[in-house]
């Protein structure tokens, strides 16, 4: 996904993004070996960014670097996460990995 905006990372954002990248790389790997059932654990309750920016699970996402860069919450249609959620596979999980990696390169 092409990111719309440059962002400024807050304290802890880089670490949280790296944790998210690791999570999505594991999800992608599980799909690649045919263990998709284990990948269903990719939810907001185990997302480092959601824990920081949406601890109550209200999908407000205010301040989340992924929201700030894409202009979409994860639950909005055509967001990287909603694309994965609607069509769980290696390609859509790779989109999450690449979008998160792009966040690290789009900082001010």
Protein backbone atom coordinates (compact mmCIF):
# COMPACT_ATOMS: atom_id res chain seq x y z
CA UNK A 1 0.00 0.00 0.00
CA UNK A 2 1.29 3.44 -0.85
CA UNK A 3 1.49 5.67 2.20
CA UNK A 4 -0.18 9.05 1.89
CA UNK A 5 1.61 11.05 4.54
CA UNK A 6 4.98 11.48 6.18
CA UNK A 7 4.81 10.94 9.91
CA UNK A 8 6.74 11.76 13.04
CA UNK A 9 7.32 8.75 15.24
CA UNK A 10 6.68 9.14 18.95
CA UNK A 11 8.58 7.48 21.75
CA UNK A 12 8.22 3.73 21.47
CA UNK A 13 6.71 3.81 17.96
CA UNK A 14 9.75 2.35 16.21
CA UNK A 15 9.86 -0.57 18.66
CA UNK A 16 6.11 -1.19 18.31
CA UNK A 17 6.37 -1.11 14.51
CA UNK A 18 9.25 -3.61 14.61
CA UNK A 19 7.17 -5.89 16.86
CA UNK A 20 4.28 -5.64 14.40
CA UNK A 21 6.59 -6.45 11.49
CA UNK A 22 7.81 -9.55 13.33
CA UNK A 23 4.22 -10.62 14.04
CA UNK A 24 3.19 -10.22 10.40
CA UNK A 25 6.31 -11.99 9.14
CA UNK A 26 5.28 -14.95 11.33
CA UNK A 27 1.72 -14.77 9.96
CA UNK A 28 3.09 -14.70 6.40
CA UNK A 29 5.35 -17.68 7.13
CA UNK A 30 2.50 -19.68 8.63
CA UNK A 31 0.41 -19.12 5.50
CA UNK A 32 3.36 -20.10 3.30
CA UNK A 33 3.64 -23.52 5.00
CA UNK A 34 -0.09 -24.13 5.02
CA UNK A 35 -0.70 -23.50 8.73
CA UNK A 36 -3.24 -20.74 8.19
CA UNK A 37 -5.26 -21.75 11.26
CA UNK A 38 -2.47 -20.50 13.48
CA UNK A 39 -2.38 -17.14 11.71
CA UNK A 40 -5.87 -16.19 12.84
CA UNK A 41 -4.21 -14.78 15.96
CA UNK A 42 -3.42 -11.57 14.04
CA UNK A 43 -5.84 -9.31 15.90
CA UNK A 44 -5.78 -5.96 17.67
CA UNK A 45 -5.39 -7.59 21.08
CA UNK A 46 -1.91 -8.78 20.07
CA UNK A 47 -0.86 -5.73 18.04
CA UNK A 48 1.83 -3.58 19.64
CA UNK A 49 0.51 -0.42 17.95
CA UNK A 50 -3.08 -1.11 19.03
CA UNK A 51 -1.92 -1.64 22.60
CA UNK A 52 -0.31 1.82 22.50
CA UNK A 53 -2.93 3.78 20.59
CA UNK A 54 -6.19 1.90 21.07
CA UNK A 55 -5.92 0.09 24.41
CA UNK A 56 -9.70 0.00 24.87
CA UNK A 57 -10.35 -1.55 21.46
CA UNK A 58 -12.52 1.31 20.21
CA UNK A 59 -10.79 1.61 16.81
CA UNK A 60 -10.06 5.28 17.38
CA UNK A 61 -6.40 4.85 16.42
CA UNK A 62 -5.57 8.51 17.15
CA UNK A 63 -1.81 8.91 16.95
CA UNK A 64 -1.16 5.42 15.56
CA UNK A 65 1.60 5.68 12.95
CA UNK A 66 -0.23 3.27 10.62
CA UNK A 67 -3.39 5.38 10.81
CA UNK A 68 -1.44 8.63 10.48
CA UNK A 69 0.41 7.40 7.37
CA UNK A 70 -2.52 5.75 5.57
CA UNK A 71 -5.40 7.92 6.75
CA UNK A 72 -7.37 4.73 7.50
CA UNK A 73 -8.09 2.77 10.64
CA UNK A 74 -7.42 -0.94 10.31
CA UNK A 75 -11.14 -1.63 10.28
CA UNK A 76 -11.87 0.68 7.33
CA UNK A 77 -12.34 -0.92 3.94
CA UNK A 78 -9.26 -1.21 1.76
CA UNK A 79 -6.83 -0.72 4.65
CA UNK A 80 -3.91 -3.18 4.65
CA UNK A 81 -5.42 -5.02 7.63
CA UNK A 82 -8.95 -5.20 6.21
CA UNK A 83 -7.55 -6.58 2.95
CA UNK A 84 -5.80 -9.31 4.94
CA UNK A 85 -8.89 -9.94 7.06
CA UNK A 86 -11.11 -10.32 3.99
CA UNK A 87 -8.68 -12.48 2.02
CA UNK A 88 -6.24 -14.16 4.40
CA UNK A 89 -3.23 -15.40 2.44
CA UNK A 90 0.50 -14.94 1.89
CA UNK A 91 0.01 -11.96 -0.44
CA UNK A 92 -2.23 -9.96 1.87
CA UNK A 93 -0.09 -10.73 4.93
CA UNK A 94 2.92 -9.57 2.90
CA UNK A 95 1.07 -6.29 2.28
CA UNK A 96 0.96 -5.78 6.05
CA UNK A 97 4.70 -6.48 6.35
CA UNK A 98 5.59 -4.10 3.52
CA UNK A 99 3.28 -1.34 4.75
CA UNK A 100 4.77 -1.51 8.25
CA UNK A 101 8.31 -1.49 6.83
CA UNK A 102 7.39 1.53 4.73
CA UNK A 103 6.36 3.35 7.91
CA UNK A 104 9.95 3.27 9.09
CA UNK A 105 11.07 4.92 5.86
CA UNK A 106 8.38 7.61 5.78
CA UNK A 107 9.28 9.46 8.93
CA UNK A 108 10.12 13.14 9.04
